[in-house]
N, C-alpha and C. Protein backbone atom coordinates (compact mmCIF):
# COMPACT_ATOMS: atom_id res chain seq x y z
N MET A 1 -29.16 12.79 -46.57
CA MET A 1 -28.99 13.24 -45.43
C MET A 1 -29.18 11.45 -44.48
N ILE A 2 -29.39 10.47 -45.11
CA ILE A 2 -29.58 9.26 -44.73
C ILE A 2 -27.98 8.73 -44.63
N VAL A 3 -27.31 8.83 -45.60
CA VAL A 3 -25.71 8.63 -45.57
C VAL A 3 -25.42 9.54 -44.70
N ILE A 4 -25.34 10.72 -44.13
CA ILE A 4 -24.65 11.34 -43.19
C ILE A 4 -25.40 10.47 -41.85
N ASP A 5 -26.47 10.40 -41.69
CA ASP A 5 -26.79 9.65 -39.87
C ASP A 5 -26.07 8.29 -40.01
N SER A 6 -25.85 7.68 -41.44
CA SER A 6 -24.82 6.11 -41.26
C SER A 6 -24.09 6.15 -40.92
N ILE A 7 -23.17 7.48 -41.40
CA ILE A 7 -21.90 7.51 -41.09
C ILE A 7 -21.79 8.27 -39.18
N ARG A 8 -22.68 8.72 -39.19
CA ARG A 8 -22.51 9.38 -37.62
C ARG A 8 -22.84 8.18 -36.81
N LEU A 9 -23.36 7.12 -37.48
CA LEU A 9 -23.95 6.09 -36.67
C LEU A 9 -23.02 4.97 -36.45
N ARG A 10 -22.43 4.65 -37.45
CA ARG A 10 -20.82 4.12 -37.72
C ARG A 10 -19.63 4.74 -36.72
N PHE A 11 -19.69 5.75 -36.82
CA PHE A 11 -18.70 6.64 -35.72
C PHE A 11 -18.95 6.20 -34.33
N LYS A 12 -20.00 6.41 -33.90
CA LYS A 12 -20.69 6.36 -32.84
C LYS A 12 -20.17 4.89 -32.23
N ALA A 13 -21.15 3.89 -32.96
CA ALA A 13 -20.51 2.54 -32.62
C ALA A 13 -18.91 2.18 -32.44
N SER A 14 -17.92 2.90 -33.41
CA SER A 14 -16.67 2.48 -33.15
C SER A 14 -15.99 3.15 -32.15
N VAL A 15 -16.53 4.78 -31.96
CA VAL A 15 -16.27 4.92 -30.70
C VAL A 15 -16.25 4.21 -29.43
N ALA A 16 -17.96 3.75 -29.00
CA ALA A 16 -18.10 3.17 -28.13
C ALA A 16 -17.37 1.90 -27.84
N LEU A 17 -17.35 1.13 -29.15
CA LEU A 17 -16.58 -0.39 -29.15
C LEU A 17 -15.09 -0.27 -28.69
N THR A 18 -14.39 1.36 -29.13
CA THR A 18 -12.99 1.04 -28.72
C THR A 18 -12.69 1.61 -27.12
N ALA A 19 -14.08 2.76 -26.96
CA ALA A 19 -13.76 2.60 -25.48
C ALA A 19 -14.07 1.55 -24.59
N LEU A 20 -14.78 0.53 -24.78
CA LEU A 20 -15.19 -0.58 -24.53
C LEU A 20 -13.87 -1.48 -24.19
N VAL A 21 -13.71 -1.79 -25.37
CA VAL A 21 -11.83 -2.42 -25.28
C VAL A 21 -11.00 -1.85 -24.64
N LEU A 22 -10.86 -0.80 -24.52
CA LEU A 22 -9.75 -0.14 -23.85
C LEU A 22 -10.12 0.01 -22.29
N CYS A 23 -11.28 -0.26 -21.87
CA CYS A 23 -11.55 0.31 -20.70
C CYS A 23 -11.96 -1.15 -20.11
N SER A 24 -12.21 -2.49 -20.90
CA SER A 24 -12.26 -3.68 -20.20
C SER A 24 -10.82 -4.54 -19.96
N SER A 25 -9.74 -3.96 -20.16
CA SER A 25 -8.68 -4.74 -19.86
C SER A 25 -8.01 -4.05 -19.01
N PRO A 26 -7.02 -4.52 -17.90
CA PRO A 26 -6.00 -3.65 -17.37
C PRO A 26 -5.14 -3.20 -18.45
N ALA A 27 -4.61 -2.23 -18.22
CA ALA A 27 -3.13 -1.46 -19.17
C ALA A 27 -2.33 -2.12 -18.40
N PRO A 28 -1.05 -2.47 -19.27
CA PRO A 28 0.16 -2.62 -18.91
C PRO A 28 1.11 -2.68 -17.32
N SER A 29 0.74 -1.30 -17.51
CA SER A 29 1.20 -0.71 -16.22
C SER A 29 0.21 -0.80 -14.95
N GLN A 30 -0.78 -1.74 -15.33
CA GLN A 30 -1.48 -1.34 -13.64
C GLN A 30 -1.39 -3.47 -13.27
N ILE A 31 -0.66 -4.16 -14.16
CA ILE A 31 -0.30 -5.28 -13.75
C ILE A 31 1.16 -5.77 -12.91
N ASN A 32 0.86 -6.11 -11.86
CA ASN A 32 1.80 -6.46 -10.53
C ASN A 32 2.61 -7.48 -11.15
N ALA A 33 3.51 -6.91 -11.97
CA ALA A 33 4.74 -7.97 -12.44
C ALA A 33 5.98 -8.60 -10.92
N ILE A 34 5.72 -8.12 -10.08
CA ILE A 34 6.66 -8.44 -8.84
C ILE A 34 5.94 -9.39 -8.03
N SER A 35 6.33 -10.66 -7.91
CA SER A 35 5.76 -11.72 -7.44
C SER A 35 6.14 -11.33 -5.68
N THR A 36 4.86 -11.28 -4.44
CA THR A 36 5.34 -10.76 -3.56
C THR A 36 5.28 -11.85 -2.31
N ARG A 37 5.44 -11.56 -1.23
CA ARG A 37 4.85 -12.84 -0.24
C ARG A 37 4.15 -12.32 1.37
N ASP A 38 3.67 -12.62 1.72
CA ASP A 38 3.07 -12.10 3.27
C ASP A 38 3.28 -13.24 3.82
N ASP A 39 3.95 -12.52 5.25
CA ASP A 39 4.46 -13.13 6.07
C ASP A 39 3.78 -12.73 7.16
N PRO A 40 3.18 -13.12 8.62
CA PRO A 40 2.70 -12.88 9.86
C PRO A 40 3.76 -11.72 10.48
N PHE A 41 3.06 -11.20 11.50
CA PHE A 41 4.02 -10.12 11.87
C PHE A 41 3.12 -9.36 13.16
N MET A 42 3.42 -9.81 14.42
CA MET A 42 2.65 -8.97 15.37
C MET A 42 3.14 -7.89 16.20
N LEU A 43 2.52 -6.78 15.97
CA LEU A 43 2.95 -5.64 16.84
C LEU A 43 1.48 -4.59 16.88
N VAL A 44 1.83 -4.81 18.51
CA VAL A 44 0.11 -4.17 18.82
C VAL A 44 0.46 -3.10 20.14
N SER A 45 -0.13 -1.97 19.40
CA SER A 45 -0.08 -0.96 20.71
C SER A 45 -0.92 -1.10 21.78
N GLU A 46 -0.15 -0.63 23.02
CA GLU A 46 -1.44 -0.47 24.48
C GLU A 46 -2.13 0.13 23.88
N LEU A 47 -3.19 0.14 24.68
CA LEU A 47 -4.91 0.91 24.83
C LEU A 47 -4.29 2.56 25.73
N VAL A 48 -4.80 3.24 24.55
CA VAL A 48 -4.01 4.88 24.86
C VAL A 48 -5.30 5.30 25.24
N ASP A 49 -5.41 6.03 26.39
CA ASP A 49 -6.75 7.28 26.68
C ASP A 49 -5.79 8.55 26.87
N ASN A 50 -6.53 9.96 25.90
CA ASN A 50 -6.06 10.86 26.18
C ASN A 50 -7.05 11.72 26.79
N ALA A 51 -6.60 12.06 27.67
CA ALA A 51 -7.83 12.92 29.00
C ALA A 51 -7.25 14.32 29.24
N THR A 52 -6.47 14.59 28.39
CA THR A 52 -5.79 15.98 28.23
C THR A 52 -6.52 16.75 27.18
N THR A 53 -5.60 17.76 27.01
CA THR A 53 -6.75 19.13 25.94
C THR A 53 -5.53 19.28 24.68
N GLU A 54 -4.25 18.21 24.64
CA GLU A 54 -3.42 18.12 23.49
C GLU A 54 -3.45 17.21 23.21
N PRO A 55 -3.18 17.07 21.76
CA PRO A 55 -2.83 15.61 21.30
C PRO A 55 -1.50 14.70 21.72
N ILE A 56 -1.31 13.42 21.63
CA ILE A 56 0.12 12.29 22.32
C ILE A 56 0.32 12.12 21.00
N ALA A 57 1.77 11.68 20.77
CA ALA A 57 2.06 10.56 20.20
C ALA A 57 2.99 9.64 21.10
N VAL A 58 2.27 8.37 20.54
CA VAL A 58 3.00 7.28 21.44
C VAL A 58 3.93 6.48 20.19
N PHE A 59 4.78 6.10 20.58
CA PHE A 59 5.88 5.25 20.01
C PHE A 59 5.56 3.75 19.90
N VAL A 60 5.00 2.96 19.07
CA VAL A 60 4.28 1.52 19.02
C VAL A 60 5.79 0.61 18.81
N GLY A 61 6.62 1.18 17.63
CA GLY A 61 7.32 0.04 17.54
C GLY A 61 7.66 0.15 15.83
N THR A 62 8.63 -0.58 15.72
CA THR A 62 9.56 -0.90 14.18
C THR A 62 9.08 -2.19 13.66
N VAL A 63 8.58 -2.43 12.54
CA VAL A 63 8.50 -3.84 11.76
C VAL A 63 9.48 -3.38 10.87
N ASP A 64 10.26 -4.61 10.90
CA ASP A 64 11.27 -5.32 10.21
C ASP A 64 11.18 -6.25 9.22
N SER A 65 11.84 -6.44 7.71
CA SER A 65 11.78 -7.66 6.99
C SER A 65 13.23 -7.10 6.54
N PRO A 66 14.43 -7.87 7.45
CA PRO A 66 15.95 -7.76 7.12
C PRO A 66 16.10 -7.72 5.78
N GLY A 67 16.70 -7.09 4.92
CA GLY A 67 16.94 -7.49 3.28
C GLY A 67 15.62 -7.27 2.35
N ALA A 68 14.99 -6.54 2.97
CA ALA A 68 13.50 -6.37 1.82
C ALA A 68 14.00 -5.08 0.93
N SER A 69 13.79 -5.04 -0.03
CA SER A 69 13.94 -3.80 -1.05
C SER A 69 12.65 -3.08 -0.48
N GLY A 70 11.58 -3.71 -0.49
CA GLY A 70 10.71 -2.80 0.05
C GLY A 70 9.42 -3.77 1.00
N ILE A 71 8.62 -2.75 1.55
CA ILE A 71 7.81 -3.21 2.77
C ILE A 71 6.05 -2.76 2.83
N ARG A 72 5.36 -3.48 2.60
CA ARG A 72 3.80 -2.67 3.32
C ARG A 72 3.17 -3.64 4.26
N LEU A 73 2.72 -3.08 5.19
CA LEU A 73 1.99 -3.64 6.63
C LEU A 73 0.95 -3.76 6.49
N HIS A 74 -0.15 -4.76 7.32
CA HIS A 74 -1.30 -4.80 7.22
C HIS A 74 -1.60 -4.42 8.34
N ILE A 75 -2.95 -3.97 8.60
CA ILE A 75 -3.54 -3.28 10.13
C ILE A 75 -4.67 -4.57 9.91
N GLY A 76 -4.35 -4.97 11.22
CA GLY A 76 -5.28 -5.62 11.77
C GLY A 76 -6.38 -5.31 12.31
N GLU A 77 -6.60 -5.56 13.63
CA GLU A 77 -7.53 -4.65 14.40
C GLU A 77 -7.00 -3.32 14.85
N TYR A 78 -7.71 -2.40 14.86
CA TYR A 78 -7.40 -1.14 15.21
C TYR A 78 -9.10 0.07 15.93
N ASP A 79 -8.81 0.75 16.92
CA ASP A 79 -9.62 1.57 17.28
C ASP A 79 -8.79 2.98 17.05
N LEU A 80 -9.11 3.74 16.34
CA LEU A 80 -8.22 5.22 16.26
C LEU A 80 -9.48 6.38 16.49
N GLY A 81 -10.53 5.73 17.18
CA GLY A 81 -11.50 6.99 18.12
C GLY A 81 -12.04 7.65 17.20
N ARG A 82 -12.36 9.31 17.40
CA ARG A 82 -12.90 10.15 16.51
C ARG A 82 -11.62 10.97 15.83
N SER A 83 -10.62 11.27 16.32
CA SER A 83 -9.43 11.87 15.32
C SER A 83 -8.01 11.81 15.72
N SER A 84 -7.91 10.18 16.12
CA SER A 84 -6.90 9.96 16.27
C SER A 84 -6.17 9.13 14.96
N TYR A 85 -4.97 8.93 14.74
CA TYR A 85 -4.59 8.48 13.40
C TYR A 85 -3.13 7.62 13.84
N VAL A 86 -2.50 7.35 12.95
CA VAL A 86 -1.47 6.79 13.38
C VAL A 86 -0.41 7.10 11.75
N THR A 87 0.73 7.12 11.86
CA THR A 87 1.83 7.48 10.87
C THR A 87 2.82 6.38 10.88
N LEU A 88 3.36 6.20 9.49
CA LEU A 88 4.22 4.88 9.33
C LEU A 88 5.23 5.61 8.51
N THR A 89 6.17 5.79 8.86
CA THR A 89 7.88 6.11 8.53
C THR A 89 8.67 5.12 8.09
N SER A 90 9.30 5.39 6.99
CA SER A 90 9.88 4.66 6.44
C SER A 90 11.49 5.17 6.77
N ILE A 91 12.33 3.99 7.48
CA ILE A 91 13.96 4.28 8.04
C ILE A 91 14.57 4.75 6.78
N ALA A 92 14.11 3.98 5.64
CA ALA A 92 15.31 4.42 4.67
C ALA A 92 15.33 5.81 4.06
N ASP A 93 13.71 6.51 3.76
CA ASP A 93 13.78 7.80 3.54
C ASP A 93 13.15 8.53 3.78
N GLU A 94 12.53 7.96 5.16
CA GLU A 94 11.71 8.95 5.39
C GLU A 94 10.12 9.30 5.03
N ALA A 95 10.08 8.90 4.06
CA ALA A 95 8.63 8.15 3.42
C ALA A 95 7.68 8.37 4.75
N VAL A 96 6.68 9.18 4.73
CA VAL A 96 5.65 9.42 5.96
C VAL A 96 4.03 9.01 5.00
N GLN A 97 3.58 8.35 6.09
CA GLN A 97 1.91 7.94 5.36
C GLN A 97 1.13 8.23 6.76
N ARG A 98 0.48 9.09 6.43
CA ARG A 98 -0.65 9.33 7.76
C ARG A 98 -2.32 8.49 7.52
N LEU A 99 -2.42 7.42 8.43
CA LEU A 99 -3.98 6.76 8.19
C LEU A 99 -4.83 7.25 9.51
N ASP A 100 -6.16 7.13 9.13
CA ASP A 100 -7.04 7.30 10.46
C ASP A 100 -7.96 6.20 10.10
N ALA A 101 -9.08 6.27 10.89
CA ALA A 101 -10.16 5.29 10.71
C ALA A 101 -11.09 5.00 9.61
N ALA A 102 -10.92 6.35 8.75
CA ALA A 102 -11.83 6.78 7.68
C ALA A 102 -10.87 5.95 6.39
N THR A 103 -9.57 6.19 6.46
CA THR A 103 -8.40 5.62 5.23
C THR A 103 -7.88 4.40 5.52
N ILE A 104 -7.86 3.98 6.64
CA ILE A 104 -7.27 2.39 6.53
C ILE A 104 -7.97 1.47 5.77
N PRO A 105 -9.42 1.57 5.64
CA PRO A 105 -10.40 0.74 4.97
C PRO A 105 -10.05 0.90 3.34
N ASN A 106 -9.73 2.04 3.16
CA ASN A 106 -9.97 2.44 2.04
C ASN A 106 -9.26 1.52 0.82
N SER A 107 -7.83 0.84 1.29
CA SER A 107 -6.76 0.22 0.81
C SER A 107 -6.87 -1.19 1.73
N TYR A 108 -8.18 -1.30 2.07
CA TYR A 108 -8.24 -3.03 2.39
C TYR A 108 -7.58 -3.22 3.72
N ASN A 109 -7.14 -2.14 4.28
CA ASN A 109 -5.64 -2.26 5.40
C ASN A 109 -4.75 -2.53 5.41
N TRP A 110 -4.19 -2.35 4.03
CA TRP A 110 -2.70 -2.18 3.62
C TRP A 110 -2.22 -0.82 3.62
N SER A 111 -1.23 -0.46 4.25
CA SER A 111 -0.31 0.78 4.14
C SER A 111 -0.05 0.96 2.43
N ALA A 112 0.68 1.72 2.06
CA ALA A 112 1.27 1.84 1.09
C ALA A 112 2.44 1.32 0.94
N THR A 113 3.45 1.01 -0.24
CA THR A 113 4.97 0.46 -0.51
C THR A 113 5.64 1.13 0.14
N PHE A 114 6.42 0.54 0.97
CA PHE A 114 7.66 1.65 1.76
C PHE A 114 9.36 1.36 1.15
N ASN A 115 10.04 1.93 0.72
CA ASN A 115 11.41 1.86 0.31
C ASN A 115 11.88 1.08 1.69
N GLY A 116 12.94 0.10 1.35
CA GLY A 116 13.79 -0.30 2.92
C GLY A 116 12.96 -1.38 3.32
N ASP A 117 13.73 -1.71 4.60
CA ASP A 117 13.12 -3.44 5.20
C ASP A 117 12.31 -2.74 6.34
N SER A 118 12.48 -1.29 6.98
CA SER A 118 12.07 -1.09 8.11
C SER A 118 11.21 0.09 7.76
N VAL A 119 10.05 0.20 8.93
CA VAL A 119 9.33 0.83 9.06
C VAL A 119 9.10 1.10 10.44
N GLU A 120 8.69 2.47 10.87
CA GLU A 120 8.61 3.02 12.25
C GLU A 120 6.36 3.28 12.56
N VAL A 121 6.39 2.55 13.27
CA VAL A 121 4.93 3.13 13.96
C VAL A 121 4.60 3.54 14.79
N GLU A 122 3.89 5.18 14.69
CA GLU A 122 3.31 6.09 15.83
C GLU A 122 2.16 6.06 16.00
N LEU A 123 1.47 6.02 16.77
CA LEU A 123 0.36 6.73 17.21
C LEU A 123 0.20 8.12 17.66
N HIS A 124 -0.85 8.51 17.18
CA HIS A 124 -1.17 10.19 17.40
C HIS A 124 -2.60 10.21 17.89
N VAL A 125 -2.53 10.23 19.36
CA VAL A 125 -3.73 10.70 19.97
C VAL A 125 -4.68 11.66 20.25
N ALA A 126 -5.43 11.91 19.79
CA ALA A 126 -6.16 13.30 19.77
C ALA A 126 -6.98 13.39 21.35
N ALA A 127 -6.95 14.43 21.69
CA ALA A 127 -7.35 15.06 22.67
C ALA A 127 -9.07 14.22 23.23
N GLY A 128 -9.20 13.84 23.99
CA GLY A 128 -10.06 13.37 24.42
C GLY A 128 -10.48 12.19 24.09
N ASP A 129 -9.55 11.23 22.97
CA ASP A 129 -10.02 10.02 22.57
C ASP A 129 -9.53 8.53 23.33
N ALA A 130 -10.36 7.85 23.60
CA ALA A 130 -9.90 6.89 24.73
C ALA A 130 -10.23 5.43 23.97
N GLY A 131 -9.27 4.72 24.53
CA GLY A 131 -9.20 3.16 24.17
C GLY A 131 -8.51 2.83 23.13
N VAL A 132 -8.00 4.33 22.66
CA VAL A 132 -7.32 4.19 21.32
C VAL A 132 -6.11 2.63 20.95
N PHE A 133 -6.02 2.08 19.86
CA PHE A 133 -4.89 1.19 19.50
C PHE A 133 -4.76 0.83 18.39
N ILE A 134 -3.83 0.19 17.95
CA ILE A 134 -3.83 -0.41 16.53
C ILE A 134 -2.65 -1.52 16.35
N GLU A 135 -3.03 -2.56 15.18
CA GLU A 135 -2.54 -3.42 15.19
C GLU A 135 -1.77 -3.94 14.14
N ILE A 136 -0.50 -4.25 13.47
CA ILE A 136 0.14 -4.58 12.84
C ILE A 136 0.35 -6.41 12.50
N ASP A 137 -0.49 -6.77 12.23
CA ASP A 137 -0.66 -8.31 11.82
C ASP A 137 0.11 -8.98 10.53
N ARG A 138 0.31 -8.45 9.44
CA ARG A 138 0.96 -9.11 8.36
C ARG A 138 2.25 -8.06 8.12
N ILE A 139 2.94 -8.52 7.19
CA ILE A 139 3.74 -7.49 6.35
C ILE A 139 4.08 -8.42 4.96
N ARG A 140 4.08 -7.49 3.39
CA ARG A 140 4.15 -7.87 2.71
C ARG A 140 5.37 -7.34 1.82
N THR A 141 6.19 -8.13 1.01
CA THR A 141 7.68 -7.89 0.79
C THR A 141 7.84 -8.44 -1.02
N PRO A 142 8.54 -7.77 -1.24
CA PRO A 142 9.06 -8.50 -2.89
C PRO A 142 9.52 -9.67 -2.48
N GLU A 143 9.50 -10.57 -3.17
CA GLU A 143 9.98 -12.27 -3.40
C GLU A 143 11.38 -12.02 -3.64
N THR A 144 12.31 -12.52 -3.30
CA THR A 144 13.41 -12.44 -3.73
C THR A 144 13.87 -13.78 -4.61
N SER A 145 14.51 -13.45 -5.86
CA SER A 145 14.99 -15.00 -6.13
C SER A 145 16.15 -15.36 -6.22
N GLU A 146 16.48 -16.71 -5.97
CA GLU A 146 17.87 -16.75 -5.72
C GLU A 146 18.74 -17.10 -7.16
N ALA A 147 19.79 -16.90 -7.30
CA ALA A 147 20.20 -16.81 -8.37
C ALA A 147 20.98 -18.42 -8.56
N GLN A 148 20.92 -18.96 -9.75
CA GLN A 148 21.44 -20.02 -9.81
C GLN A 148 22.64 -20.59 -10.36
N GLU A 149 23.53 -21.02 -10.33
CA GLU A 149 24.99 -21.31 -10.77
C GLU A 149 24.65 -21.26 -12.53
N GLY A 150 25.48 -20.09 -13.22
CA GLY A 150 25.72 -20.16 -14.53
C GLY A 150 24.64 -19.36 -15.05
N ALA A 151 23.65 -18.83 -14.14
CA ALA A 151 22.47 -18.24 -14.92
C ALA A 151 23.25 -16.60 -15.13
N VAL A 152 22.54 -16.02 -16.53
CA VAL A 152 23.39 -14.86 -16.61
C VAL A 152 22.23 -13.88 -16.30
N ALA A 153 22.88 -13.20 -15.55
CA ALA A 153 21.96 -11.79 -14.93
C ALA A 153 22.03 -10.58 -16.14
N ALA A 154 21.22 -10.29 -16.50
CA ALA A 154 20.76 -9.43 -17.71
C ALA A 154 19.32 -9.02 -18.14
N ILE A 155 19.23 -7.85 -18.35
CA ILE A 155 17.41 -7.31 -18.73
C ILE A 155 17.60 -7.68 -20.13
N CYS A 156 18.83 -8.27 -21.10
CA CYS A 156 18.22 -8.20 -22.60
C CYS A 156 18.56 -10.26 -22.72
N GLY A 157 18.58 -10.69 -21.70
CA GLY A 157 18.53 -12.09 -22.57
C GLY A 157 20.05 -12.66 -22.12
N THR A 158 20.57 -13.66 -23.07
CA THR A 158 21.86 -13.76 -22.86
C THR A 158 22.99 -13.45 -23.81
N THR A 159 22.90 -12.13 -24.74
CA THR A 159 22.96 -11.53 -25.21
C THR A 159 23.19 -10.13 -24.71
N ASP A 160 24.33 -9.22 -25.04
CA ASP A 160 24.24 -7.94 -24.49
C ASP A 160 24.66 -7.03 -25.87
N ASP A 161 23.42 -6.82 -26.76
CA ASP A 161 23.29 -6.16 -28.25
C ASP A 161 23.80 -4.91 -27.60
């Protein structure tokens, strides 16, 4: 009986140690290997009141970073009232993200990463909401590396096996 208890104890300890090791360090897929840069950008909507009984959509503008392969938007100040929200739409592939006052803080005020170099911002103001606005204050794009003369562009190094 003592031998079986000892084996069980060792097994539990090894499972706990394995779980600790696996959960204490990020998996390789969680490491951001792409270098990015943040740039100031200012796009601010007007204050919008909606005294009607229907929601209204207001085009705020387009955020551009010419030549970027992807783009994230940072939301600065905002007031989305009770039920208003903002949609962000990639010009490149029409992917859409909808954010409201509850979801914006979940990603530290950053949008998803959109393909391409341009994103349209549209405010959707719910009936009865007043003083609704949004501000985009920064953008994040992938760093582009300049090719050096004589450099080899390959994923396998200097030889192509």
